[in-house]
Amino acid sequence: MMLILAKRALNPRSVDALSGFLRLAAIHKSDIHTTNVLAIKTAGRHKPTTKRDKPLTYEQANKPDMIGVRKSWNTFNTSGLVDSIRCAETAHEDILIRKFIHGTWPKLLASDVIIKRRGNQIVLNFMAVRMTSPMSIYFLIGYTEEILSYMLKSVVKLEIQTIDDSNDLVYKYI
């Protein structure tokens, strides 16, 4: 081993490499952090409170790894398949639809918006709180269907369930 190092020491490049190695070896122990990797899944999980007063809906109570087992997806489409077209456009349209619904139905949404695509038809499902008169809700339904149909160039239908209070959706408290 020493013979190999002695032969390499004659080469100026190996001297530079050896001095670089010695500099690396001189790193203090406190400069290298050797803790375990914390691969804890925390996204989409709700932290329990001390008083157990945080309300969760059924959608929020299930963990994200239960999607497709106990709860379903919020968007139903076939654009995520291999070699499918319009993947990015469909995702962009879903974001546009959700933002439009949240802006058009202020303080009336009680649940997440579910988007179902069937051929050239888009069906939107959500729950709304009965805070206004039925006439204004019917107007908002017609307005939303017409504007989104014009923007997306496909038939848009709304399927809405109304509830008295948003506390009716509480599944459990954590």
N, C-alpha and C. Protein backbone atom coordinates (compact mmCIF):
# COMPACT_ATOMS: atom_id res chain seq x y z
N MET A 1 0.82 -1.18 0.00
CA MET A 1 0.00 0.00 0.00
C MET A 1 0.87 1.25 0.00
N MET A 2 1.91 1.24 0.84
CA MET A 2 2.80 2.39 0.90
C MET A 2 3.56 2.58 -0.40
N LEU A 3 3.89 1.45 -1.06
CA LEU A 3 4.60 1.51 -2.33
C LEU A 3 3.73 2.18 -3.39
N ILE A 4 2.44 1.83 -3.39
CA ILE A 4 1.52 2.44 -4.37
C ILE A 4 1.40 3.93 -4.10
N LEU A 5 1.28 4.31 -2.82
CA LEU A 5 1.19 5.72 -2.49
C LEU A 5 2.49 6.45 -2.84
N ALA A 6 3.63 5.78 -2.66
CA ALA A 6 4.91 6.41 -2.99
C ALA A 6 5.04 6.62 -4.48
N LYS A 7 4.56 5.66 -5.30
CA LYS A 7 4.62 5.83 -6.75
C LYS A 7 3.69 6.95 -7.20
N ARG A 8 2.53 7.01 -6.56
CA ARG A 8 1.58 8.06 -6.95
C ARG A 8 2.04 9.43 -6.46
N ALA A 9 2.82 9.44 -5.41
CA ALA A 9 3.28 10.70 -4.86
C ALA A 9 4.21 11.42 -5.82
N LEU A 10 4.81 10.70 -6.74
CA LEU A 10 5.67 11.34 -7.72
C LEU A 10 4.87 12.19 -8.70
N ASN A 11 3.63 11.82 -8.92
CA ASN A 11 2.77 12.55 -9.83
C ASN A 11 2.18 13.76 -9.10
N PRO A 12 2.30 14.96 -9.67
CA PRO A 12 1.79 16.15 -8.97
C PRO A 12 0.27 16.11 -8.77
N ARG A 13 -0.46 15.48 -9.70
CA ARG A 13 -1.92 15.41 -9.54
C ARG A 13 -2.30 14.56 -8.34
N SER A 14 -1.57 13.47 -8.14
CA SER A 14 -1.90 12.60 -7.00
C SER A 14 -1.56 13.28 -5.68
N VAL A 15 -0.56 14.17 -5.68
CA VAL A 15 -0.23 14.91 -4.47
C VAL A 15 -1.39 15.83 -4.11
N ASP A 16 -1.99 16.48 -5.12
CA ASP A 16 -3.14 17.34 -4.87
C ASP A 16 -4.33 16.53 -4.37
N ALA A 17 -4.52 15.34 -4.95
CA ALA A 17 -5.63 14.49 -4.52
C ALA A 17 -5.43 14.01 -3.09
N LEU A 18 -4.17 13.68 -2.75
CA LEU A 18 -3.88 13.21 -1.40
C LEU A 18 -4.06 14.33 -0.39
N SER A 19 -3.65 15.54 -0.74
CA SER A 19 -3.83 16.65 0.20
C SER A 19 -5.31 16.98 0.37
N GLY A 20 -6.09 16.82 -0.72
CA GLY A 20 -7.53 17.02 -0.60
C GLY A 20 -8.17 15.97 0.30
N PHE A 21 -7.68 14.73 0.18
CA PHE A 21 -8.19 13.66 1.04
C PHE A 21 -7.86 13.93 2.50
N LEU A 22 -6.64 14.43 2.75
CA LEU A 22 -6.26 14.71 4.13
C LEU A 22 -7.09 15.87 4.69
N ARG A 23 -7.43 16.84 3.84
CA ARG A 23 -8.30 17.92 4.30
C ARG A 23 -9.69 17.40 4.64
N LEU A 24 -10.20 16.45 3.85
CA LEU A 24 -11.50 15.87 4.14
C LEU A 24 -11.46 15.05 5.43
N ALA A 25 -10.33 14.40 5.67
CA ALA A 25 -10.21 13.59 6.88
C ALA A 25 -10.13 14.46 8.12
N ALA A 26 -9.77 15.73 7.96
CA ALA A 26 -9.64 16.62 9.10
C ALA A 26 -10.96 17.28 9.49
N ILE A 27 -12.05 16.90 8.87
CA ILE A 27 -13.35 17.48 9.21
C ILE A 27 -13.71 17.05 10.62
N HIS A 28 -14.17 17.98 11.38
CA HIS A 28 -14.52 17.67 12.76
C HIS A 28 -15.78 16.81 12.82
N LYS A 29 -15.88 16.10 13.91
CA LYS A 29 -17.02 15.20 14.09
C LYS A 29 -18.34 15.98 14.16
N SER A 30 -18.29 17.20 14.67
CA SER A 30 -19.52 17.98 14.82
C SER A 30 -20.03 18.52 13.48
N ASP A 31 -19.19 18.48 12.45
CA ASP A 31 -19.61 18.97 11.14
C ASP A 31 -20.44 17.96 10.36
N ILE A 32 -20.39 16.71 10.73
CA ILE A 32 -21.14 15.67 10.03
C ILE A 32 -22.32 15.26 10.89
N HIS A 33 -23.51 15.36 10.34
CA HIS A 33 -24.72 14.99 11.07
C HIS A 33 -25.13 13.58 10.65
N THR A 34 -25.21 12.71 11.58
CA THR A 34 -25.52 11.31 11.27
C THR A 34 -26.79 10.87 11.99
N THR A 35 -27.89 11.57 11.77
CA THR A 35 -29.16 11.17 12.38
C THR A 35 -29.93 10.31 11.40
N ASN A 36 -30.90 9.59 11.91
CA ASN A 36 -31.74 8.76 11.06
C ASN A 36 -32.64 9.63 10.20
N VAL A 37 -32.99 9.11 9.05
CA VAL A 37 -33.90 9.82 8.17
C VAL A 37 -35.30 9.73 8.75
N LEU A 38 -35.96 10.87 8.86
CA LEU A 38 -37.31 10.89 9.39
C LEU A 38 -38.29 10.85 8.22
N ALA A 39 -38.65 9.68 7.80
CA ALA A 39 -39.58 9.51 6.68
C ALA A 39 -40.99 9.32 7.22
N ILE A 40 -41.45 10.29 7.97
CA ILE A 40 -42.78 10.21 8.57
C ILE A 40 -43.78 10.83 7.60
N LYS A 41 -44.87 10.14 7.38
CA LYS A 41 -45.91 10.66 6.51
C LYS A 41 -46.80 11.60 7.32
N THR A 42 -46.70 12.90 7.04
CA THR A 42 -47.50 13.87 7.78
C THR A 42 -48.44 14.66 6.90
N ALA A 43 -48.31 14.58 5.59
CA ALA A 43 -49.16 15.37 4.71
C ALA A 43 -50.58 14.80 4.72
N GLY A 44 -51.55 15.67 4.89
CA GLY A 44 -52.95 15.25 4.86
C GLY A 44 -53.44 14.65 6.15
N ARG A 45 -52.59 14.56 7.16
CA ARG A 45 -53.02 14.02 8.44
C ARG A 45 -53.25 15.19 9.39
N HIS A 46 -54.32 15.12 10.14
CA HIS A 46 -54.68 16.21 11.04
C HIS A 46 -54.19 15.89 12.45
N LYS A 47 -53.59 16.90 13.06
CA LYS A 47 -52.99 16.73 14.37
C LYS A 47 -54.07 16.87 15.45
N PRO A 48 -54.14 15.95 16.40
CA PRO A 48 -55.15 16.07 17.45
C PRO A 48 -54.86 17.24 18.37
N THR A 49 -55.92 17.89 18.84
CA THR A 49 -55.78 18.99 19.77
C THR A 49 -55.92 18.47 21.20
N THR A 50 -55.52 19.27 22.16
CA THR A 50 -55.59 18.83 23.55
C THR A 50 -57.02 18.77 24.06
N LYS A 51 -57.88 19.66 23.59
CA LYS A 51 -59.27 19.69 24.06
C LYS A 51 -60.22 18.86 23.20
N ARG A 52 -59.70 18.27 22.14
CA ARG A 52 -60.52 17.46 21.21
C ARG A 52 -61.71 18.27 20.69
N ASP A 53 -61.43 19.49 20.22
CA ASP A 53 -62.51 20.35 19.73
C ASP A 53 -62.37 20.72 18.26
N LYS A 54 -61.48 20.06 17.54
CA LYS A 54 -61.31 20.35 16.12
C LYS A 54 -62.24 19.43 15.32
N PRO A 55 -63.23 19.99 14.60
CA PRO A 55 -64.16 19.13 13.86
C PRO A 55 -63.56 18.64 12.54
N LEU A 56 -63.82 17.37 12.22
CA LEU A 56 -63.37 16.78 10.97
C LEU A 56 -64.55 16.17 10.24
N THR A 57 -64.58 16.34 8.93
CA THR A 57 -65.58 15.66 8.12
C THR A 57 -65.08 14.24 7.84
N TYR A 58 -65.94 13.43 7.23
CA TYR A 58 -65.53 12.07 6.91
C TYR A 58 -64.36 12.06 5.94
N GLU A 59 -64.37 13.03 5.01
CA GLU A 59 -63.29 13.14 4.02
C GLU A 59 -61.96 13.44 4.70
N GLN A 60 -61.98 14.31 5.71
CA GLN A 60 -60.76 14.69 6.40
C GLN A 60 -60.33 13.65 7.43
N ALA A 61 -61.28 12.89 7.96
CA ALA A 61 -60.96 11.92 9.02
C ALA A 61 -60.17 10.74 8.48
N ASN A 62 -60.34 10.41 7.22
CA ASN A 62 -59.58 9.30 6.63
C ASN A 62 -58.22 9.78 6.18
N LYS A 63 -57.22 8.96 6.40
CA LYS A 63 -55.86 9.32 6.02
C LYS A 63 -55.69 9.24 4.50
N PRO A 64 -54.70 9.94 3.94
CA PRO A 64 -54.52 9.95 2.48
C PRO A 64 -54.25 8.58 1.88
N ASP A 65 -53.67 7.66 2.64
CA ASP A 65 -53.42 6.35 2.06
C ASP A 65 -54.68 5.49 2.00
N MET A 66 -55.80 6.02 2.47
CA MET A 66 -57.09 5.32 2.36
C MET A 66 -57.87 5.77 1.12
N ILE A 67 -57.28 6.62 0.27
CA ILE A 67 -57.94 7.02 -0.97
C ILE A 67 -58.05 5.79 -1.85
N GLY A 68 -59.24 5.52 -2.30
CA GLY A 68 -59.49 4.34 -3.12
C GLY A 68 -59.87 3.13 -2.29
N VAL A 69 -59.76 3.20 -0.97
CA VAL A 69 -60.15 2.10 -0.10
C VAL A 69 -61.43 2.46 0.64
N ARG A 70 -61.34 3.50 1.48
CA ARG A 70 -62.51 3.93 2.23
C ARG A 70 -63.10 5.24 1.72
N LYS A 71 -62.31 6.02 1.02
CA LYS A 71 -62.83 7.25 0.43
C LYS A 71 -62.42 7.31 -1.03
N SER A 72 -63.02 8.20 -1.77
CA SER A 72 -62.82 8.22 -3.21
C SER A 72 -62.02 9.46 -3.61
N TRP A 73 -61.68 9.52 -4.87
CA TRP A 73 -60.94 10.66 -5.41
C TRP A 73 -61.88 11.86 -5.55
N ASN A 74 -61.32 13.06 -5.56
CA ASN A 74 -62.12 14.27 -5.77
C ASN A 74 -62.30 14.59 -7.24
N THR A 75 -61.58 13.92 -8.11
CA THR A 75 -61.71 14.13 -9.55
C THR A 75 -61.75 12.77 -10.23
N PHE A 76 -62.75 12.59 -11.08
CA PHE A 76 -62.87 11.34 -11.84
C PHE A 76 -62.63 11.66 -13.30
N ASN A 77 -61.52 11.20 -13.86
CA ASN A 77 -61.25 11.36 -15.28
C ASN A 77 -60.26 10.29 -15.71
N THR A 78 -60.07 10.18 -17.01
CA THR A 78 -59.16 9.17 -17.54
C THR A 78 -57.91 9.80 -18.14
N SER A 79 -57.62 11.05 -17.79
CA SER A 79 -56.46 11.70 -18.40
C SER A 79 -55.15 11.29 -17.75
N GLY A 80 -55.18 10.56 -16.66
CA GLY A 80 -53.96 10.13 -16.01
C GLY A 80 -53.44 8.80 -16.53
N LEU A 81 -54.11 8.23 -17.51
CA LEU A 81 -53.66 6.95 -18.05
C LEU A 81 -52.44 7.13 -18.94
N VAL A 82 -51.77 6.04 -19.24
CA VAL A 82 -50.56 6.09 -20.06
C VAL A 82 -50.93 6.51 -21.48
N ASP A 83 -50.13 7.37 -22.08
CA ASP A 83 -50.29 7.88 -23.44
C ASP A 83 -51.63 8.56 -23.66
N SER A 84 -52.18 9.18 -22.63
CA SER A 84 -53.44 9.89 -22.82
C SER A 84 -53.15 11.35 -23.16
N ILE A 85 -54.09 11.97 -23.82
CA ILE A 85 -53.92 13.37 -24.22
C ILE A 85 -54.66 14.25 -23.23
N ARG A 86 -54.33 15.51 -23.21
CA ARG A 86 -54.97 16.53 -22.39
C ARG A 86 -54.77 16.32 -20.89
N CYS A 87 -53.66 15.79 -20.48
CA CYS A 87 -53.40 15.62 -19.04
C CYS A 87 -53.30 16.97 -18.34
N ALA A 88 -52.46 17.83 -18.87
CA ALA A 88 -52.25 19.13 -18.25
C ALA A 88 -53.49 20.01 -18.36
N GLU A 89 -54.18 19.94 -19.49
CA GLU A 89 -55.38 20.75 -19.67
C GLU A 89 -56.47 20.35 -18.68
N THR A 90 -56.61 19.05 -18.44
CA THR A 90 -57.63 18.58 -17.51
C THR A 90 -57.31 19.04 -16.09
N ALA A 91 -56.06 18.96 -15.68
CA ALA A 91 -55.67 19.42 -14.35
C ALA A 91 -55.88 20.92 -14.22
N HIS A 92 -55.56 21.67 -15.26
CA HIS A 92 -55.77 23.12 -15.25
C HIS A 92 -57.25 23.45 -15.17
N GLU A 93 -58.07 22.73 -15.92
CA GLU A 93 -59.52 22.96 -15.88
C GLU A 93 -60.09 22.63 -14.50
N ASP A 94 -59.58 21.60 -13.85
CA ASP A 94 -60.06 21.25 -12.51
C ASP A 94 -59.75 22.37 -11.51
N ILE A 95 -58.57 22.95 -11.61
CA ILE A 95 -58.22 24.06 -10.73
C ILE A 95 -59.11 25.26 -11.03
N LEU A 96 -59.35 25.54 -12.30
CA LEU A 96 -60.22 26.65 -12.69
C LEU A 96 -61.63 26.44 -12.16
N ILE A 97 -62.16 25.23 -12.29
CA ILE A 97 -63.51 24.94 -11.81
C ILE A 97 -63.60 25.15 -10.30
N ARG A 98 -62.63 24.63 -9.56
CA ARG A 98 -62.68 24.76 -8.11
C ARG A 98 -62.59 26.22 -7.67
N LYS A 99 -61.71 26.99 -8.30
CA LYS A 99 -61.60 28.40 -7.94
C LYS A 99 -62.86 29.17 -8.31
N PHE A 100 -63.46 28.84 -9.45
CA PHE A 100 -64.69 29.51 -9.87
C PHE A 100 -65.83 29.19 -8.89
N ILE A 101 -65.95 27.94 -8.47
CA ILE A 101 -67.00 27.55 -7.53
C ILE A 101 -66.80 28.25 -6.19
N HIS A 102 -65.56 28.29 -5.70
CA HIS A 102 -65.30 28.95 -4.42
C HIS A 102 -65.57 30.45 -4.49
N GLY A 103 -65.36 31.06 -5.64
CA GLY A 103 -65.64 32.48 -5.78
C GLY A 103 -67.10 32.78 -6.02
N THR A 104 -67.81 31.89 -6.71
CA THR A 104 -69.22 32.12 -7.03
C THR A 104 -70.13 31.79 -5.85
N TRP A 105 -69.76 30.81 -5.06
CA TRP A 105 -70.57 30.38 -3.93
C TRP A 105 -69.87 30.78 -2.62
N PRO A 106 -69.74 32.08 -2.32
CA PRO A 106 -68.99 32.47 -1.12
C PRO A 106 -69.75 32.10 0.15
N LYS A 107 -69.06 31.52 1.10
CA LYS A 107 -69.59 31.12 2.41
C LYS A 107 -70.75 30.13 2.31
N LEU A 108 -70.99 29.56 1.15
CA LEU A 108 -72.08 28.60 0.99
C LEU A 108 -71.57 27.17 0.86
N LEU A 109 -70.30 26.99 0.52
CA LEU A 109 -69.76 25.65 0.35
C LEU A 109 -69.52 25.00 1.71
N ALA A 110 -70.00 23.76 1.84
CA ALA A 110 -69.79 23.03 3.09
C ALA A 110 -68.85 21.85 2.90
N SER A 111 -68.56 21.47 1.66
CA SER A 111 -67.69 20.32 1.41
C SER A 111 -66.80 20.61 0.22
N ASP A 112 -65.95 19.67 -0.10
CA ASP A 112 -65.09 19.79 -1.28
C ASP A 112 -65.91 19.60 -2.55
N VAL A 113 -65.40 20.16 -3.64
CA VAL A 113 -66.05 20.01 -4.94
C VAL A 113 -65.55 18.72 -5.58
N ILE A 114 -66.49 17.85 -5.97
CA ILE A 114 -66.16 16.59 -6.65
C ILE A 114 -66.43 16.80 -8.13
N ILE A 115 -65.43 16.52 -8.98
CA ILE A 115 -65.55 16.72 -10.42
C ILE A 115 -65.56 15.36 -11.09
N LYS A 116 -66.62 15.09 -11.85
CA LYS A 116 -66.73 13.83 -12.59
C LYS A 116 -66.84 14.16 -14.07
N ARG A 117 -65.98 13.56 -14.86
CA ARG A 117 -66.01 13.76 -16.31
C ARG A 117 -66.53 12.50 -16.97
N ARG A 118 -67.59 12.66 -17.75
CA ARG A 118 -68.19 11.54 -18.48
C ARG A 118 -68.33 11.96 -19.93
N GLY A 119 -67.42 11.53 -20.76
CA GLY A 119 -67.46 11.93 -22.17
C GLY A 119 -67.25 13.42 -22.31
N ASN A 120 -68.25 14.11 -22.86
CA ASN A 120 -68.18 15.56 -23.04
C ASN A 120 -68.96 16.28 -21.94
N GLN A 121 -69.28 15.59 -20.87
CA GLN A 121 -70.08 16.17 -19.81
C GLN A 121 -69.26 16.22 -18.52
N ILE A 122 -69.37 17.33 -17.82
CA ILE A 122 -68.69 17.50 -16.54
C ILE A 122 -69.77 17.66 -15.47
N VAL A 123 -69.72 16.80 -14.46
CA VAL A 123 -70.70 16.85 -13.37
C VAL A 123 -69.97 17.30 -12.11
N LEU A 124 -70.50 18.33 -11.45
CA LEU A 124 -69.91 18.87 -10.24
C LEU A 124 -70.82 18.56 -9.06
N ASN A 125 -70.27 17.97 -8.02
CA ASN A 125 -71.02 17.63 -6.81
C ASN A 125 -70.42 18.37 -5.63
N PHE A 126 -71.28 18.97 -4.81
CA PHE A 126 -70.84 19.55 -3.55
C PHE A 126 -72.05 19.79 -2.66
N MET A 127 -71.78 20.10 -1.41
CA MET A 127 -72.84 20.41 -0.46
C MET A 127 -72.79 21.89 -0.16
N ALA A 128 -73.98 22.50 -0.12
CA ALA A 128 -74.09 23.93 0.15
C ALA A 128 -74.94 24.14 1.39
N VAL A 129 -74.65 25.21 2.10
CA VAL A 129 -75.40 25.57 3.30
C VAL A 129 -76.59 26.44 2.88
N ARG A 130 -77.74 26.19 3.49
CA ARG A 130 -78.96 26.96 3.19
C ARG A 130 -78.92 28.29 3.94
N MET A 131 -78.13 29.23 3.46
CA MET A 131 -78.05 30.54 4.11
C MET A 131 -78.86 31.58 3.34
N THR A 132 -79.17 31.33 2.09
CA THR A 132 -79.90 32.29 1.28
C THR A 132 -81.21 31.66 0.82
N SER A 133 -81.97 32.43 0.09
CA SER A 133 -83.27 31.94 -0.39
C SER A 133 -83.07 30.92 -1.51
N PRO A 134 -84.06 30.04 -1.72
CA PRO A 134 -83.94 29.07 -2.81
C PRO A 134 -83.83 29.73 -4.19
N MET A 135 -84.43 30.90 -4.36
CA MET A 135 -84.34 31.60 -5.65
C MET A 135 -82.89 31.96 -5.97
N SER A 136 -82.16 32.46 -4.98
CA SER A 136 -80.76 32.83 -5.25
C SER A 136 -79.90 31.58 -5.48
N ILE A 137 -80.23 30.47 -4.82
CA ILE A 137 -79.48 29.23 -5.06
C ILE A 137 -79.75 28.73 -6.48
N TYR A 138 -81.02 28.80 -6.92
CA TYR A 138 -81.33 28.38 -8.29
C TYR A 138 -80.62 29.29 -9.31
N PHE A 139 -80.55 30.59 -9.00
CA PHE A 139 -79.83 31.50 -9.88
C PHE A 139 -78.35 31.12 -9.96
N LEU A 140 -77.73 30.85 -8.80
CA LEU A 140 -76.31 30.49 -8.79
C LEU A 140 -76.06 29.18 -9.53
N ILE A 141 -77.00 28.24 -9.44
CA ILE A 141 -76.85 26.98 -10.18
C ILE A 141 -76.84 27.24 -11.68
N GLY A 142 -77.84 28.00 -12.16
CA GLY A 142 -77.92 28.31 -13.59
C GLY A 142 -76.74 29.12 -14.07
N TYR A 143 -76.36 30.13 -13.28
CA TYR A 143 -75.22 30.98 -13.64
C TYR A 143 -73.93 30.16 -13.74
N THR A 144 -73.69 29.29 -12.75
CA THR A 144 -72.47 28.47 -12.74
C THR A 144 -72.45 27.52 -13.92
N GLU A 145 -73.59 26.87 -14.21
CA GLU A 145 -73.64 25.93 -15.33
C GLU A 145 -73.39 26.64 -16.66
N GLU A 146 -74.00 27.80 -16.86
CA GLU A 146 -73.85 28.51 -18.14
C GLU A 146 -72.43 29.04 -18.33
N ILE A 147 -71.88 29.68 -17.32
CA ILE A 147 -70.54 30.27 -17.46
C ILE A 147 -69.48 29.18 -17.65
N LEU A 148 -69.56 28.11 -16.85
CA LEU A 148 -68.56 27.04 -16.99
C LEU A 148 -68.73 26.30 -18.31
N SER A 149 -69.97 26.12 -18.78
CA SER A 149 -70.18 25.48 -20.09
C SER A 149 -69.57 26.31 -21.20
N TYR A 150 -69.71 27.63 -21.10
CA TYR A 150 -69.14 28.51 -22.12
C TYR A 150 -67.61 28.50 -22.06
N MET A 151 -67.05 28.52 -20.84
CA MET A 151 -65.60 28.57 -20.70
C MET A 151 -64.93 27.25 -21.09
N LEU A 152 -65.53 26.12 -20.72
CA LEU A 152 -64.91 24.82 -20.93
C LEU A 152 -65.35 24.15 -22.22
N LYS A 153 -66.33 24.73 -22.90
CA LYS A 153 -66.84 24.21 -24.17
C LYS A 153 -67.33 22.76 -24.04
N SER A 154 -68.00 22.46 -22.94
CA SER A 154 -68.62 21.16 -22.73
C SER A 154 -69.80 21.35 -21.77
N VAL A 155 -70.66 20.37 -21.70
CA VAL A 155 -71.85 20.46 -20.87
C VAL A 155 -71.45 20.32 -19.40
N VAL A 156 -71.88 21.27 -18.58
CA VAL A 156 -71.58 21.25 -17.15
C VAL A 156 -72.90 21.15 -16.39
N LYS A 157 -72.99 20.18 -15.48
CA LYS A 157 -74.17 20.02 -14.64
C LYS A 157 -73.75 20.08 -13.18
N LEU A 158 -74.59 20.68 -12.35
CA LEU A 158 -74.33 20.75 -10.92
C LEU A 158 -75.31 19.85 -10.19
N GLU A 159 -74.79 19.03 -9.30
CA GLU A 159 -75.62 18.22 -8.41
C GLU A 159 -75.30 18.67 -6.99
N ILE A 160 -76.25 19.38 -6.40
CA ILE A 160 -76.00 20.02 -5.11
C ILE A 160 -76.93 19.43 -4.06
N GLN A 161 -76.39 19.18 -2.90
CA GLN A 161 -77.20 18.84 -1.74
C GLN A 161 -77.08 19.99 -0.76
N THR A 162 -78.19 20.39 -0.17
CA THR A 162 -78.17 21.49 0.78
C THR A 162 -78.32 20.95 2.19
N ILE A 163 -77.67 21.61 3.11
CA ILE A 163 -77.75 21.23 4.52
C ILE A 163 -78.06 22.49 5.32
N ASP A 164 -78.61 22.29 6.54
CA ASP A 164 -78.97 23.44 7.37
C ASP A 164 -77.74 24.14 7.95
N ASP A 165 -76.79 23.36 8.39
CA ASP A 165 -75.62 23.93 9.06
C ASP A 165 -74.39 23.12 8.67
N SER A 166 -73.25 23.76 8.60
CA SER A 166 -72.04 23.04 8.23
C SER A 166 -71.59 22.07 9.33
N ASN A 167 -72.12 22.23 10.54
CA ASN A 167 -71.81 21.29 11.62
C ASN A 167 -72.48 19.94 11.40
N ASP A 168 -73.43 19.86 10.47
CA ASP A 168 -74.05 18.58 10.16
C ASP A 168 -73.07 17.61 9.50
N LEU A 169 -72.00 18.13 8.94
CA LEU A 169 -71.01 17.29 8.26
C LEU A 169 -69.91 16.77 9.18
N VAL A 170 -69.93 17.18 10.45
CA VAL A 170 -68.87 16.78 11.37
C VAL A 170 -68.97 15.28 11.62
N TYR A 171 -67.87 14.59 11.37
CA TYR A 171 -67.79 13.14 11.56
C TYR A 171 -67.25 12.80 12.94
N LYS A 172 -66.19 13.51 13.34
CA LYS A 172 -65.63 13.31 14.67
C LYS A 172 -64.79 14.53 15.03
N TYR A 173 -64.47 14.64 16.30
CA TYR A 173 -63.63 15.72 16.81
C TYR A 173 -62.28 15.13 17.22
N ILE A 174 -61.22 15.84 16.85
CA ILE A 174 -59.89 15.40 17.30
C ILE A 174 -59.21 16.53 18.05
